[in-house]
């Protein structure tokens, strides 16, 4: 029977990954209750603390065999495009560009309109988005920054995000230059200031839609596409717009060796130094990836100031290790950024949109690339996925379980075989169980993922539609002039058997 206060109590949770205000960090609490409603977390009671009267609750959830942890934050995702790459483009490389295929072999897929909101009533767009949103929920993410090229279908974008129940930042991306590669060897930039201006104006119109959206869970983000595709004037104007609107500003920066070389040739300084010099770096700026700073071994650069610039300007970095690891590269290195005072957050740049897999990859690569594995712990990376992401977004009300924080909660099934023997549940979750043990997810106190399934949409139907969408995309791209055959872009792991 419903009561007037509309609260929920998770009663007798075996473990709670709660916030310790005194230490300013997460901590384990055992055998306690988490009480929350739509306004936020009301109390964390029991477990040897906060004895006394219990807060009343309308709904009681049995916490036996459950760990409650804070919802995680993905500060950098491309939800529609990443879904259609799964099982197809993971091994694609281009040796001419330090193995990064973003300028050549992946280009046709990004330029296809199959998964844009304007195609076929947006059905393929919505399917790809929902597939990715289901993956995020299944891995314990409750807040996502979704980056997509601008379009005049902002309403559909907002509705798909809001309908999922997730907390989302809508980041319409715009650019003045597009990448062009001549003869498969030389990266050039084709500039069109008018295109950039139109894109920026459309992005601002989309941000207006987001501001007016009634869900209360959507916010906007100003996102010039890349450091090398937006010139100084528009980059400054975009940052000014973000400040005027009180929004976070993000762009891709230092994501490849060719970009680094291009920016040095164009400006005489590194991409990070250039962004500092034009005044767009501050504590409300996120740089997507920021791998190729001046200390990176692939650059052999003479300076070592980029990390200090990021730290001095209180810039956050959205770390998305999986996609770059497939190309044979990695950030150098997690502990080095942390020790320099740079806020590290986590993102999901490609499919699968699985934050637990990103955390595992960040931990493993961080230990390998540091050459000092003891300097990095699982707690470092989990902080990046929670409080690091919250800091990047300028918030203290998400990424933690504490009274007054938003009720963004994830329930982990400690009885799942992959969570056994369960000495340290976070390690068991990341290293072994991953999304298999994520049972329920709450956003703003509302159940959005229940018993391993999204509540607000049909995830299996969305995923099934992707096979048809990818076939359409491949057919569309194959008909274009100058595009290599698909079996050259993405070869099968093994050849098809030909019967005699």
Protein backbone atom coordinates (compact mmCIF):
# COMPACT_ATOMS: atom_id res chain seq x y z
CA UNK A 1 0.00 0.00 0.00
CA UNK A 2 1.41 3.40 -0.98
CA UNK A 3 2.16 5.90 1.75
CA UNK A 4 2.27 9.67 1.57
CA UNK A 5 6.04 9.98 1.52
CA UNK A 6 6.61 7.84 -1.62
CA UNK A 7 9.95 6.49 -0.44
CA UNK A 8 11.71 3.20 -1.14
CA UNK A 9 13.84 1.29 1.34
CA UNK A 10 16.40 -1.27 0.24
CA UNK A 11 16.40 -3.22 3.48
CA UNK A 12 19.30 -5.19 4.87
CA UNK A 13 21.63 -4.79 1.90
CA UNK A 14 24.57 -7.13 2.36
CA UNK A 15 26.94 -4.42 1.11
CA UNK A 16 26.56 -0.74 0.28
CA UNK A 17 29.32 1.13 -1.52
CA UNK A 18 28.50 4.30 0.36
CA UNK A 19 30.09 7.74 0.59
CA UNK A 20 32.22 8.52 3.63
CA UNK A 21 31.95 12.27 4.04
CA UNK A 22 34.79 12.43 6.53
CA UNK A 23 37.25 10.65 4.22
CA UNK A 24 35.80 12.12 1.05
CA UNK A 25 35.72 8.72 -0.61
CA UNK A 26 33.66 5.59 -1.14
CA UNK A 27 33.59 2.94 1.56
CA UNK A 28 31.95 -0.43 2.12
CA UNK A 29 29.13 -0.67 4.65
CA UNK A 30 27.55 -3.99 5.60
CA UNK A 31 23.98 -4.97 6.46
CA UNK A 32 22.37 -1.55 6.16
CA UNK A 33 19.42 0.14 4.48
CA UNK A 34 19.32 2.74 1.72
CA UNK A 35 16.22 4.95 1.80
CA UNK A 36 15.37 7.19 -1.14
CA UNK A 37 12.63 8.92 -3.10
CA UNK A 38 12.39 11.01 -6.26
CA UNK A 39 14.14 13.93 -4.58
CA UNK A 40 17.20 11.89 -3.68
CA UNK A 41 18.75 9.65 -1.05
CA UNK A 42 17.09 10.19 2.32
CA UNK A 43 19.30 8.02 4.53
CA UNK A 44 21.83 5.22 4.73
CA UNK A 45 20.91 3.52 7.99
CA UNK A 46 22.34 0.70 10.06
CA UNK A 47 25.51 -1.20 9.51
CA UNK A 48 26.95 0.02 12.77
CA UNK A 49 26.05 3.66 12.07
CA UNK A 50 23.08 5.96 12.36
CA UNK A 51 21.23 3.92 14.99
CA UNK A 52 17.76 4.99 15.98
CA UNK A 53 14.43 5.39 14.33
CA UNK A 54 14.00 4.19 10.78
CA UNK A 55 12.84 6.49 8.00
CA UNK A 56 9.38 5.42 6.81
CA UNK A 57 9.05 3.91 3.33
CA UNK A 58 6.28 3.14 0.85
CA UNK A 59 8.15 0.30 -0.87
CA UNK A 60 10.55 -2.17 0.71
CA UNK A 61 13.11 -4.06 -1.41
CA UNK A 62 14.80 -7.06 0.15
CA UNK A 63 18.54 -6.41 0.18
CA UNK A 64 19.56 -9.96 1.02
CA UNK A 65 22.44 -10.99 -1.24
CA UNK A 66 22.64 -7.53 -2.79
CA UNK A 67 25.30 -4.84 -3.06
CA UNK A 68 24.05 -1.30 -3.66
CA UNK A 69 26.53 0.91 -5.47
CA UNK A 70 26.32 4.40 -7.01
CA UNK A 71 25.28 4.69 -10.61
CA UNK A 72 28.27 5.29 -12.87
CA UNK A 73 28.79 8.16 -15.28
CA UNK A 74 29.81 7.92 -18.93
CA UNK A 75 31.14 11.34 -19.91
CA UNK A 76 31.74 10.49 -23.58
CA UNK A 77 29.60 8.23 -25.78
CA UNK A 78 28.34 8.04 -29.38
CA UNK A 79 25.25 5.94 -28.85
CA UNK A 80 23.88 5.46 -32.33
CA UNK A 81 27.07 5.02 -34.37
CA UNK A 82 28.87 2.84 -31.85
CA UNK A 83 26.14 0.22 -31.83
CA UNK A 84 26.38 -0.54 -35.55
CA UNK A 85 30.13 -1.11 -35.36
CA UNK A 86 29.81 -4.03 -32.97
CA UNK A 87 31.10 -7.32 -34.35
CA UNK A 88 32.23 -5.64 -37.56
CA UNK A 89 34.79 -2.83 -37.20
CA UNK A 90 36.70 -3.78 -34.06
CA UNK A 91 39.85 -4.96 -35.90
CA UNK A 92 39.93 -2.27 -38.59
CA UNK A 93 43.30 -0.47 -38.77
CA UNK A 94 45.14 1.92 -41.06
CA UNK A 95 48.96 1.68 -40.80
CA UNK A 96 49.37 4.98 -42.67
CA UNK A 97 47.81 6.82 -39.72
CA UNK A 98 49.47 5.07 -36.79
CA UNK A 99 46.80 2.39 -37.13
CA UNK A 100 43.94 4.81 -36.44
CA UNK A 101 41.19 4.13 -39.02
CA UNK A 102 39.11 7.19 -38.12
CA UNK A 103 40.34 9.23 -41.08
CA UNK A 104 39.92 6.58 -43.76
CA UNK A 105 38.30 3.18 -43.31
CA UNK A 106 35.73 4.22 -40.72
CA UNK A 107 34.84 7.44 -42.51
CA UNK A 108 32.18 6.01 -44.85
CA UNK A 109 30.33 4.47 -41.90
CA UNK A 110 30.17 7.77 -40.06
CA UNK A 111 28.96 9.55 -43.21
CA UNK A 112 26.17 7.06 -43.91
CA UNK A 113 22.66 8.29 -43.15
CA UNK A 114 21.16 4.88 -42.23
CA UNK A 115 21.29 5.49 -38.47
CA UNK A 116 20.52 9.22 -38.58
CA UNK A 117 17.24 10.43 -37.07
CA UNK A 118 16.02 11.67 -40.46
CA UNK A 119 16.06 8.22 -42.10
CA UNK A 120 12.86 6.13 -42.23
CA UNK A 121 11.15 7.94 -39.39
CA UNK A 122 14.17 7.48 -37.17
CA UNK A 123 13.52 3.77 -36.60
CA UNK A 124 17.14 2.70 -37.10
CA UNK A 125 18.40 5.67 -35.11
CA UNK A 126 16.10 4.80 -32.20
CA UNK A 127 17.03 1.11 -32.38
CA UNK A 128 20.76 1.84 -32.26
CA UNK A 129 20.28 4.30 -29.39
CA UNK A 130 18.17 1.88 -27.35
CA UNK A 131 20.59 -0.97 -27.91
CA UNK A 132 23.39 1.19 -26.51
CA UNK A 133 21.29 2.52 -23.64
CA UNK A 134 20.44 -1.04 -22.62
CA UNK A 135 24.15 -1.89 -22.60
CA UNK A 136 24.89 1.13 -20.42
CA UNK A 137 22.18 0.25 -17.91
CA UNK A 138 23.32 -3.37 -17.83
CA UNK A 139 26.80 -2.20 -16.84
CA UNK A 140 25.60 0.11 -14.08
CA UNK A 141 25.61 3.48 -15.86
CA UNK A 142 22.92 5.97 -14.85
CA UNK A 143 24.27 9.16 -16.51
CA UNK A 144 25.55 9.44 -20.08
CA UNK A 145 26.87 12.20 -22.33
CA UNK A 146 25.66 11.39 -25.84
CA UNK A 147 27.61 13.04 -28.67
CA UNK A 148 26.10 13.15 -32.15
CA UNK A 149 26.35 15.33 -35.21
CA UNK A 150 23.83 18.15 -35.32
CA UNK A 151 20.56 17.57 -37.11
CA UNK A 152 17.11 19.13 -37.21
CA UNK A 153 15.66 16.12 -35.37
CA UNK A 154 16.55 17.14 -31.84
CA UNK A 155 13.07 16.28 -30.58
CA UNK A 156 13.48 12.60 -31.47
CA UNK A 157 16.92 12.51 -29.90
CA UNK A 158 15.56 13.97 -26.66
CA UNK A 159 12.57 11.65 -26.62
CA UNK A 160 14.64 8.48 -27.04
CA UNK A 161 16.99 9.52 -24.25
CA UNK A 162 14.21 10.64 -21.92
CA UNK A 163 12.12 7.56 -22.65
CA UNK A 164 14.93 5.33 -21.44
CA UNK A 165 14.76 6.81 -17.95
CA UNK A 166 18.49 7.57 -18.00
CA UNK A 167 20.06 10.84 -16.91
CA UNK A 168 21.55 12.24 -20.11
CA UNK A 169 23.56 15.13 -21.49
CA UNK A 170 22.73 15.97 -25.10
CA UNK A 171 25.87 17.06 -26.94
CA UNK A 172 25.19 18.18 -30.55
CA UNK A 173 28.53 18.28 -32.37
CA UNK A 174 29.47 20.78 -35.09
CA UNK A 175 32.58 21.47 -37.17
CA UNK A 176 34.02 23.80 -39.78
CA UNK A 177 36.39 21.32 -41.42
CA UNK A 178 36.00 17.74 -42.59
CA UNK A 179 38.85 15.26 -42.94
CA UNK A 180 40.05 14.42 -46.43
CA UNK A 181 42.72 11.85 -47.25
CA UNK A 182 44.45 12.05 -50.62
CA UNK A 183 45.74 8.78 -52.07
CA UNK A 184 45.29 7.10 -48.70
CA UNK A 185 48.37 8.84 -47.30
CA UNK A 186 47.94 12.54 -46.48
CA UNK A 187 45.43 13.96 -44.00
CA UNK A 188 43.97 17.26 -45.13
CA UNK A 189 41.20 19.50 -43.80
CA UNK A 190 38.51 20.87 -46.09
CA UNK A 191 37.28 24.09 -44.46
CA UNK A 192 33.83 25.64 -44.80
CA UNK A 193 33.10 28.42 -42.33
CA UNK A 194 29.46 28.63 -43.40
CA UNK A 195 28.95 24.94 -42.60
CA UNK A 196 30.47 25.49 -39.18
CA UNK A 197 28.24 28.49 -38.50
CA UNK A 198 25.09 26.59 -39.51
CA UNK A 199 26.09 23.68 -37.34
CA UNK A 200 26.75 25.89 -34.34
CA UNK A 201 23.39 27.63 -34.71
CA UNK A 202 21.58 24.30 -35.03
CA UNK A 203 23.44 23.02 -31.97
CA UNK A 204 22.24 26.05 -30.00
CA UNK A 205 18.66 25.41 -31.16
CA UNK A 206 18.98 21.80 -29.98
CA UNK A 207 20.27 22.98 -26.60
CA UNK A 208 17.16 25.17 -26.34
CA UNK A 209 15.01 22.08 -26.89
CA UNK A 210 16.90 20.25 -24.17
CA UNK A 211 16.44 23.10 -21.71
CA UNK A 212 12.69 23.06 -22.26
CA UNK A 213 12.31 19.28 -22.05
CA UNK A 214 9.91 18.32 -19.23
CA UNK A 215 11.67 15.14 -18.04
CA UNK A 216 14.07 16.97 -15.74
CA UNK A 217 16.80 14.43 -16.50
CA UNK A 218 18.21 16.02 -19.68
CA UNK A 219 20.88 18.69 -19.87
CA UNK A 220 22.83 20.09 -22.77
CA UNK A 221 26.54 20.27 -23.52
CA UNK A 222 28.38 22.49 -26.00
CA UNK A 223 30.52 20.28 -28.24
CA UNK A 224 32.70 21.61 -31.07
CA UNK A 225 33.71 18.39 -32.78
CA UNK A 226 37.51 18.32 -32.67
CA UNK A 227 40.40 20.60 -31.87
CA UNK A 228 41.57 20.28 -35.47
CA UNK A 229 38.18 20.79 -37.19
CA UNK A 230 37.02 23.99 -35.46
CA UNK A 231 38.99 27.19 -35.84
CA UNK A 232 39.96 29.62 -33.13
CA UNK A 233 37.07 32.04 -33.67
CA UNK A 234 34.27 29.48 -33.51
CA UNK A 235 35.98 27.56 -30.72
CA UNK A 236 36.09 30.73 -28.59
CA UNK A 237 32.48 31.53 -29.46
CA UNK A 238 31.38 28.02 -28.49
CA UNK A 239 33.12 28.32 -25.14
CA UNK A 240 31.48 31.70 -24.54
CA UNK A 241 28.10 30.13 -25.35
CA UNK A 242 28.74 27.37 -22.82
CA UNK A 243 29.61 29.93 -20.16
CA UNK A 244 26.53 32.03 -20.93
CA UNK A 245 24.28 28.98 -20.69
CA UNK A 246 26.03 27.53 -17.64
CA UNK A 247 26.87 24.35 -19.56
CA UNK A 248 29.87 22.06 -19.69
CA UNK A 249 32.07 22.34 -22.80
CA UNK A 250 33.71 19.29 -24.40
CA UNK A 251 35.68 18.52 -27.54
CA UNK A 252 37.88 15.75 -28.91
CA UNK A 253 41.50 16.70 -28.39
CA UNK A 254 44.87 14.92 -28.68
CA UNK A 255 43.20 11.75 -29.93
CA UNK A 256 45.70 10.81 -32.65
CA UNK A 257 49.26 11.34 -33.84
CA UNK A 258 48.07 12.89 -37.15
CA UNK A 259 45.96 15.41 -35.18
CA UNK A 260 48.94 16.32 -32.99
CA UNK A 261 51.18 16.82 -36.02
CA UNK A 262 48.50 18.82 -37.84
CA UNK A 263 47.98 21.19 -34.93
CA UNK A 264 51.70 21.71 -34.43
CA UNK A 265 52.10 22.53 -38.12
CA UNK A 266 49.11 24.87 -38.03
CA UNK A 267 49.70 26.67 -34.73
CA UNK A 268 53.28 25.94 -33.71
CA UNK A 269 52.16 24.40 -30.40
CA UNK A 270 50.53 21.22 -29.13
CA UNK A 271 46.73 20.89 -29.29
CA UNK A 272 46.47 21.28 -25.50
CA UNK A 273 48.69 24.39 -25.46
CA UNK A 274 46.66 25.88 -28.32
CA UNK A 275 43.38 25.37 -26.45
CA UNK A 276 44.88 26.98 -23.36
CA UNK A 277 46.22 29.91 -25.37
CA UNK A 278 42.81 30.67 -26.90
CA UNK A 279 41.14 30.59 -23.48
CA UNK A 280 38.79 27.60 -23.65
CA UNK A 281 40.27 25.46 -20.87
CA UNK A 282 38.80 25.71 -17.39
CA UNK A 283 37.04 23.63 -14.75
CA UNK A 284 33.97 23.19 -16.95
CA UNK A 285 35.94 21.81 -19.91
CA UNK A 286 36.22 18.11 -20.75
CA UNK A 287 38.70 16.86 -23.32
CA UNK A 288 37.68 13.65 -25.03
CA UNK A 289 40.57 11.16 -24.92
CA UNK A 290 43.58 13.51 -24.48
CA UNK A 291 45.91 10.58 -25.14
CA UNK A 292 48.59 12.21 -27.26
CA UNK A 293 49.92 14.79 -24.86
CA UNK A 294 53.48 15.98 -25.31
CA UNK A 295 54.90 13.26 -23.06
CA UNK A 296 53.47 10.36 -25.10
CA UNK A 297 56.16 8.00 -26.37
CA UNK A 298 54.67 7.89 -29.91
CA UNK A 299 55.36 11.61 -30.37
CA UNK A 300 59.02 12.05 -29.35
CA UNK A 301 58.15 15.66 -28.56
CA UNK A 302 60.64 18.01 -26.93
CA UNK A 303 58.32 19.46 -24.28
CA UNK A 304 56.58 18.17 -21.17
CA UNK A 305 53.96 20.75 -20.22
CA UNK A 306 50.58 19.45 -21.40
CA UNK A 307 49.69 17.59 -18.20
CA UNK A 308 50.52 20.61 -16.08
CA UNK A 309 48.35 22.79 -18.35
CA UNK A 310 45.36 20.47 -17.84
CA UNK A 311 45.90 20.35 -14.09
CA UNK A 312 46.41 24.12 -13.74
CA UNK A 313 43.19 24.80 -15.67
CA UNK A 314 41.29 22.06 -13.76
CA UNK A 315 40.32 20.36 -17.01
CA UNK A 316 38.75 16.89 -16.98
CA UNK A 317 39.68 14.06 -19.36
CA UNK A 318 37.09 11.58 -20.66
CA UNK A 319 39.06 8.32 -20.76
CA UNK A 320 37.70 5.69 -23.19
CA UNK A 321 40.36 2.99 -23.33
CA UNK A 322 38.65 0.17 -25.23
CA UNK A 323 38.40 1.70 -28.69
CA UNK A 324 42.02 2.90 -28.69
CA UNK A 325 43.33 -0.37 -27.28
CA UNK A 326 41.95 -2.08 -30.39
CA UNK A 327 44.19 0.19 -32.45
CA UNK A 328 47.20 -0.73 -30.34
CA UNK A 329 47.51 2.47 -28.33
CA UNK A 330 46.71 3.78 -24.88
CA UNK A 331 46.89 6.77 -22.62
CA UNK A 332 50.30 7.07 -20.91
CA UNK A 333 49.26 6.60 -18.23
CA UNK A 334 46.34 6.69 -15.79
CA UNK A 335 48.46 7.11 -12.65
CA UNK A 336 50.56 9.81 -14.32
CA UNK A 337 47.47 11.91 -15.06
CA UNK A 338 46.13 11.30 -11.56
CA UNK A 339 49.41 12.27 -9.91
CA UNK A 340 49.58 15.43 -11.99
CA UNK A 341 46.21 16.46 -10.54
CA UNK A 342 44.13 15.93 -13.68
CA UNK A 343 40.53 14.84 -13.11
CA UNK A 344 40.01 11.57 -14.95
CA UNK A 345 36.48 10.54 -15.90
CA UNK A 346 35.34 7.52 -17.92
CA UNK A 347 33.47 7.18 -21.19
CA UNK A 348 32.23 4.60 -23.71
CA UNK A 349 33.43 5.71 -27.11
CA UNK A 350 32.26 2.61 -28.97
CA UNK A 351 30.31 -0.61 -28.61
CA UNK A 352 29.84 -2.44 -26.42
CA UNK A 353 28.75 0.44 -24.21
CA UNK A 354 29.83 -1.45 -21.14
CA UNK A 355 31.36 0.63 -18.36
CA UNK A 356 32.55 -2.38 -16.39
CA UNK A 357 34.57 -3.52 -19.40
CA UNK A 358 35.98 0.01 -19.79
CA UNK A 359 37.03 0.02 -16.14
CA UNK A 360 38.74 -3.35 -16.50
CA UNK A 361 40.54 -2.19 -19.65
CA UNK A 362 41.60 1.09 -18.01
CA UNK A 363 43.00 -0.80 -15.03
CA UNK A 364 44.89 -3.35 -17.12
CA UNK A 365 46.32 -0.87 -19.61
CA UNK A 366 47.10 1.58 -16.84
CA UNK A 367 49.23 -1.00 -15.08
CA UNK A 368 50.97 -2.07 -18.29
CA UNK A 369 51.73 1.41 -19.61
CA UNK A 370 52.94 2.77 -16.27
CA UNK A 371 55.70 0.16 -15.89
CA UNK A 372 54.93 0.54 -12.18
CA UNK A 373 51.76 -1.51 -11.70
CA UNK A 374 51.48 -0.94 -7.95
CA UNK A 375 50.78 2.73 -8.60
CA UNK A 376 47.26 2.02 -9.90
CA UNK A 377 44.39 0.41 -7.99
CA UNK A 378 40.85 -0.59 -8.84
CA UNK A 379 39.59 2.16 -6.53
CA UNK A 380 41.33 4.78 -8.73
CA UNK A 381 39.45 3.69 -11.82
CA UNK A 382 36.12 3.30 -10.00
CA UNK A 383 36.45 6.86 -8.73
CA UNK A 384 36.94 8.01 -12.32
CA UNK A 385 33.69 6.25 -13.29
CA UNK A 386 31.77 7.87 -10.43
CA UNK A 387 33.06 10.98 -8.65
CA UNK A 388 35.52 11.79 -11.45
CA UNK A 389 32.63 11.93 -13.90
CA UNK A 390 30.57 13.97 -11.46
CA UNK A 391 33.41 16.49 -11.12
CA UNK A 392 33.74 16.70 -14.89
CA UNK A 393 30.05 17.58 -15.13
CA UNK A 394 30.30 20.09 -12.29
CA UNK A 395 28.14 18.05 -9.93
CA UNK A 396 28.39 16.66 -6.43
CA UNK A 397 24.93 15.07 -6.35
CA UNK A 398 25.67 12.03 -8.54
CA UNK A 399 28.28 9.28 -8.45
CA UNK A 400 27.97 8.69 -4.71
CA UNK A 401 25.56 7.21 -2.16
CA UNK A 402 24.97 9.82 0.51
CA UNK A 403 21.97 11.67 1.95
CA UNK A 404 21.06 14.52 -0.39
CA UNK A 405 22.59 12.92 -3.48
CA UNK A 406 20.38 11.87 -6.39
CA UNK A 407 18.93 8.39 -6.05
CA UNK A 408 20.93 6.89 -8.93
CA UNK A 409 21.58 3.38 -7.63
CA UNK A 410 22.71 0.02 -8.98
CA UNK A 411 21.85 -3.29 -7.35
CA UNK A 412 24.42 -6.05 -7.81
CA UNK A 413 23.43 -9.70 -7.32
CA UNK A 414 26.07 -11.04 -4.92
CA UNK A 415 24.60 -14.53 -5.25
CA UNK A 416 25.52 -14.79 -8.93
CA UNK A 417 28.11 -17.56 -9.36
CA UNK A 418 30.52 -15.13 -11.02
CA UNK A 419 30.45 -12.99 -7.87
CA UNK A 420 31.69 -15.85 -5.72
CA UNK A 421 33.58 -16.23 -3.44
CA UNK A 422 32.99 -12.51 -3.02
CA UNK A 423 35.71 -11.26 -0.71
CA UNK A 424 35.80 -7.88 -2.44
CA UNK A 425 32.58 -7.44 -4.44
CA UNK A 426 33.88 -4.60 -6.63
CA UNK A 427 36.80 -6.73 -7.81
CA UNK A 428 34.48 -9.67 -8.45
CA UNK A 429 32.16 -7.41 -10.42
CA UNK A 430 34.82 -5.83 -12.63
CA UNK A 431 37.19 -8.72 -13.16
CA UNK A 432 34.71 -11.58 -13.38
CA UNK A 433 30.97 -10.99 -13.37
CA UNK A 434 30.65 -7.65 -15.21
CA UNK A 435 27.12 -6.93 -16.49
CA UNK A 436 25.87 -10.44 -15.68
CA UNK A 437 25.54 -9.46 -12.01
CA UNK A 438 23.80 -6.09 -12.53
CA UNK A 439 20.21 -6.78 -11.48
CA UNK A 440 18.37 -3.46 -11.05
CA UNK A 441 19.07 0.20 -11.75
CA UNK A 442 17.35 3.28 -10.33
CA UNK A 443 17.60 6.82 -11.71
CA UNK A 444 16.09 9.63 -9.64
CA UNK A 445 14.55 6.95 -7.44
CA UNK A 446 12.71 5.39 -10.37
CA UNK A 447 13.33 1.79 -11.43
CA UNK A 448 14.59 1.94 -15.04
CA UNK A 449 16.26 -1.48 -15.28
CA UNK A 450 14.61 -4.39 -13.48
CA UNK A 451 15.70 -8.01 -13.29
CA UNK A 452 18.28 -7.54 -16.07
CA UNK A 453 16.00 -5.69 -18.51
CA UNK A 454 15.24 -2.03 -19.29
CA UNK A 455 11.79 -0.98 -18.13
CA UNK A 456 11.10 1.80 -20.63
CA UNK A 457 11.69 0.03 -23.96
CA UNK A 458 12.05 -3.33 -25.66
CA UNK A 459 15.81 -3.91 -25.73
CA UNK A 460 15.76 -7.26 -27.60
CA UNK A 461 13.64 -5.74 -30.38
CA UNK A 462 16.03 -2.81 -30.69
CA UNK A 463 19.03 -5.12 -30.86
CA UNK A 464 17.38 -7.36 -33.45
CA UNK A 465 16.79 -4.38 -35.70
CA UNK A 466 20.50 -3.61 -35.85
CA UNK A 467 21.24 -6.55 -38.14
CA UNK A 468 18.94 -5.13 -40.81
CA UNK A 469 20.27 -1.61 -40.24
CA UNK A 470 23.88 -2.70 -40.68
CA UNK A 471 23.02 -4.60 -43.87
CA UNK A 472 21.41 -1.42 -45.22
CA UNK A 473 24.46 0.62 -44.26
CA UNK A 474 26.89 -1.79 -45.92
CA UNK A 475 24.80 -1.82 -49.11
CA UNK A 476 24.68 1.98 -49.15
CA UNK A 477 28.43 2.36 -48.63
CA UNK A 478 29.34 -0.37 -51.13
CA UNK A 479 27.52 1.55 -53.85
CA UNK A 480 29.74 4.63 -53.38
CA UNK A 481 32.66 5.37 -55.68
CA UNK A 482 36.13 5.07 -54.23
CA UNK A 483 35.16 2.93 -51.23
CA UNK A 484 37.10 -0.34 -50.86
CA UNK A 485 35.11 -3.59 -50.78
CA UNK A 486 33.72 -4.37 -47.35
CA UNK A 487 35.78 -7.54 -47.08
CA UNK A 488 38.90 -5.37 -47.39
CA UNK A 489 37.75 -2.89 -44.76
CA UNK A 490 36.61 -5.51 -42.26
CA UNK A 491 37.70 -9.03 -43.03
CA UNK A 492 36.00 -11.98 -41.35
CA UNK A 493 37.88 -13.64 -38.48
CA UNK A 494 37.94 -16.84 -40.53
CA UNK A 495 37.00 -17.44 -44.18
CA UNK A 496 33.70 -18.96 -45.16
CA UNK A 497 33.96 -22.68 -45.85
CA UNK A 498 33.36 -23.46 -49.51
CA UNK A 499 31.84 -26.88 -50.04
CA UNK A 500 33.47 -29.06 -52.67
